[in-house]
Amino acid sequence: MKPVHSWLTRHSFTLLRISIGIIYLWFGALKYFPNLSPADQLAKDTINLLTLGLIPPSLSIILLAIWETALGLVLILGIWQRLAFYVLMVHMFCTFIPLFFFADISFTNLPYAFTLVGQYIMKNLIIICAALVLYTRADARMSVTK
């Protein structure tokens, strides 16, 4: 068990960062292809709400695809970790907006019984917590090197 523990101690943070990156890259890549992402319409509706309709849906989904795939690549490559954390947190904040503005598609019984869309959104709590762990790890490493 000692070798396994030792390996996990050395690599678990990297695996966590890369796994989040893969999710971002994959989900973002789906958005380049119309209606392939199950979150396509939800994303368009949310961006439309946030931008007061100033960005056409066909452009907003491509911009989101670029944002998510770029963030995924940054996470996978392990570069610009502090910036990636802030970009990820802004994105995560935006993903929770449908719970408040599109409650009819997020809940079967408000406020406790989620639809599949609501569950899709709530799983982001895990990504947020994982990002917090990675951020504190990166921040601690930066403090040591200064």
Protein backbone atom coordinates (compact mmCIF):
# COMPACT_ATOMS: atom_id res chain seq x y z
CA MET A 1 0.00 0.00 0.00
CA LYS A 2 2.89 2.36 0.59
CA PRO A 3 3.79 2.66 -3.13
CA VAL A 4 0.16 3.40 -4.02
CA HIS A 5 -0.11 6.05 -1.33
CA SER A 6 3.17 7.57 -2.40
CA TRP A 7 2.08 7.68 -6.05
CA LEU A 8 -1.28 9.23 -5.12
CA THR A 9 0.44 11.82 -2.95
CA ARG A 10 2.62 12.86 -5.89
CA HIS A 11 -0.02 12.78 -8.63
CA SER A 12 -3.54 13.26 -7.22
CA PHE A 13 -3.61 17.04 -7.67
CA THR A 14 -2.39 16.74 -11.23
CA LEU A 15 -5.01 14.08 -11.97
CA LEU A 16 -7.71 16.27 -10.45
CA ARG A 17 -6.64 19.27 -12.56
CA ILE A 18 -6.45 17.22 -15.75
CA SER A 19 -9.82 15.55 -15.11
CA ILE A 20 -11.53 18.93 -14.76
CA GLY A 21 -9.70 20.05 -17.90
CA ILE A 22 -10.96 17.03 -19.83
CA ILE A 23 -14.55 17.78 -18.77
CA TYR A 24 -14.22 21.40 -19.89
CA LEU A 25 -12.54 20.45 -23.15
CA TRP A 26 -15.12 17.77 -23.95
CA PHE A 27 -18.22 19.78 -23.00
CA GLY A 28 -16.84 22.82 -24.80
CA ALA A 29 -16.00 20.88 -27.96
CA LEU A 30 -19.59 19.59 -28.17
CA LYS A 31 -20.82 23.17 -28.33
CA TYR A 32 -19.03 23.79 -31.63
CA PHE A 33 -21.57 21.49 -33.29
CA PRO A 34 -25.19 22.73 -33.30
CA ASN A 35 -27.51 20.86 -30.95
CA LEU A 36 -24.92 18.19 -30.09
CA SER A 37 -24.46 19.39 -26.52
CA PRO A 38 -27.37 18.58 -24.20
CA ALA A 39 -26.76 22.00 -22.62
CA ASP A 40 -26.93 23.86 -25.95
CA GLN A 41 -30.31 25.56 -25.56
CA LEU A 42 -29.88 26.15 -21.83
CA ALA A 43 -26.54 27.85 -22.46
CA LYS A 44 -27.99 30.02 -25.24
CA ASP A 45 -30.95 31.03 -23.06
CA THR A 46 -28.71 31.84 -20.10
CA ILE A 47 -26.28 33.90 -22.17
CA ASN A 48 -29.21 35.68 -23.81
CA LEU A 49 -30.49 36.58 -20.33
CA LEU A 50 -27.08 37.73 -19.08
CA THR A 51 -26.32 39.85 -22.15
CA LEU A 52 -29.86 41.23 -22.43
CA GLY A 53 -30.12 39.69 -25.88
CA LEU A 54 -27.15 41.64 -27.27
CA ILE A 55 -25.29 38.54 -28.45
CA PRO A 56 -27.07 36.32 -30.99
CA PRO A 57 -27.51 32.72 -29.80
CA SER A 58 -25.48 31.30 -32.69
CA LEU A 59 -22.52 33.48 -31.67
CA SER A 60 -22.97 33.06 -27.92
CA ILE A 61 -22.68 29.28 -28.10
CA ILE A 62 -19.46 29.53 -30.13
CA LEU A 63 -18.01 32.04 -27.65
CA LEU A 64 -18.91 29.67 -24.82
CA ALA A 65 -17.33 26.78 -26.73
CA ILE A 66 -14.12 28.79 -27.11
CA TRP A 67 -14.18 29.74 -23.41
CA GLU A 68 -14.71 26.16 -22.24
CA THR A 69 -12.23 24.49 -24.61
CA ALA A 70 -9.55 27.10 -23.87
CA LEU A 71 -10.08 26.65 -20.14
CA GLY A 72 -9.93 22.87 -20.58
CA LEU A 73 -6.61 23.12 -22.44
CA VAL A 74 -5.17 25.49 -19.84
CA LEU A 75 -6.13 23.08 -17.06
CA ILE A 76 -4.79 20.03 -18.88
CA LEU A 77 -1.50 21.77 -19.63
CA GLY A 78 -1.22 23.15 -16.09
CA ILE A 79 -0.47 26.70 -17.21
CA TRP A 80 -1.83 30.01 -15.90
CA GLN A 81 -3.38 28.21 -12.95
CA ARG A 82 -4.39 31.31 -11.01
CA LEU A 83 -6.08 32.85 -14.06
CA ALA A 84 -7.73 29.50 -14.84
CA PHE A 85 -9.18 29.43 -11.31
CA TYR A 86 -10.83 32.84 -11.70
CA VAL A 87 -12.14 32.08 -15.21
CA LEU A 88 -13.51 28.77 -13.94
CA MET A 89 -15.23 30.45 -10.98
CA VAL A 90 -16.90 33.04 -13.23
CA HIS A 91 -18.09 30.24 -15.49
CA MET A 92 -19.36 28.20 -12.53
CA PHE A 93 -21.24 31.22 -11.15
CA CYS A 94 -22.98 31.60 -14.51
CA THR A 95 -23.93 27.92 -14.62
CA PHE A 96 -26.09 28.37 -11.50
CA ILE A 97 -28.19 31.18 -12.99
CA PRO A 98 -30.79 28.82 -14.53
CA LEU A 99 -31.69 27.57 -11.04
CA PHE A 100 -33.03 31.05 -10.31
CA PHE A 101 -34.22 32.33 -13.68
CA PHE A 102 -35.34 29.06 -15.29
CA ALA A 103 -36.67 27.29 -12.22
CA ASP A 104 -39.38 25.61 -14.27
CA ILE A 105 -36.79 23.51 -16.12
CA SER A 106 -34.49 23.12 -13.09
CA PHE A 107 -36.96 21.75 -10.53
CA THR A 108 -39.86 19.34 -10.44
CA ASN A 109 -40.68 20.60 -6.94
CA LEU A 110 -39.06 23.89 -5.99
CA PRO A 111 -36.66 24.10 -4.08
CA TYR A 112 -35.64 20.51 -3.40
CA ALA A 113 -36.47 18.15 -6.30
CA PHE A 114 -34.27 18.71 -9.32
CA THR A 115 -34.98 17.86 -12.92
CA LEU A 116 -32.16 16.37 -14.96
CA VAL A 117 -31.19 19.95 -15.88
CA GLY A 118 -31.08 20.89 -12.19
CA GLN A 119 -28.92 17.85 -11.43
CA TYR A 120 -26.63 18.77 -14.33
CA ILE A 121 -26.18 22.20 -12.76
CA MET A 122 -25.76 20.98 -9.16
CA LYS A 123 -22.95 18.60 -10.08
CA ASN A 124 -20.89 21.73 -10.61
CA LEU A 125 -20.52 21.98 -6.83
CA ILE A 126 -17.97 19.20 -7.14
CA ILE A 127 -16.02 21.12 -9.78
CA ILE A 128 -16.08 24.27 -7.63
CA CYS A 129 -14.77 22.40 -4.58
CA ALA A 130 -12.09 20.65 -6.64
CA ALA A 131 -11.03 24.01 -8.08
CA LEU A 132 -10.78 25.45 -4.56
CA VAL A 133 -8.50 22.58 -3.56
CA LEU A 134 -6.32 23.11 -6.64
CA TYR A 135 -6.21 26.86 -6.09
CA THR A 136 -5.08 26.54 -2.47
CA ARG A 137 -2.45 24.01 -3.56
CA ALA A 138 -1.15 26.31 -6.32
CA ASP A 139 -1.29 29.31 -3.98
CA ALA A 140 0.66 27.43 -1.31
CA ARG A 141 3.30 26.45 -3.87
CA MET A 142 3.62 30.07 -5.03
CA SER A 143 4.08 31.23 -1.43
CA VAL A 144 6.91 28.74 -0.90
CA THR A 145 8.76 29.86 -4.04
CA LYS A 146 8.64 33.57 -3.12
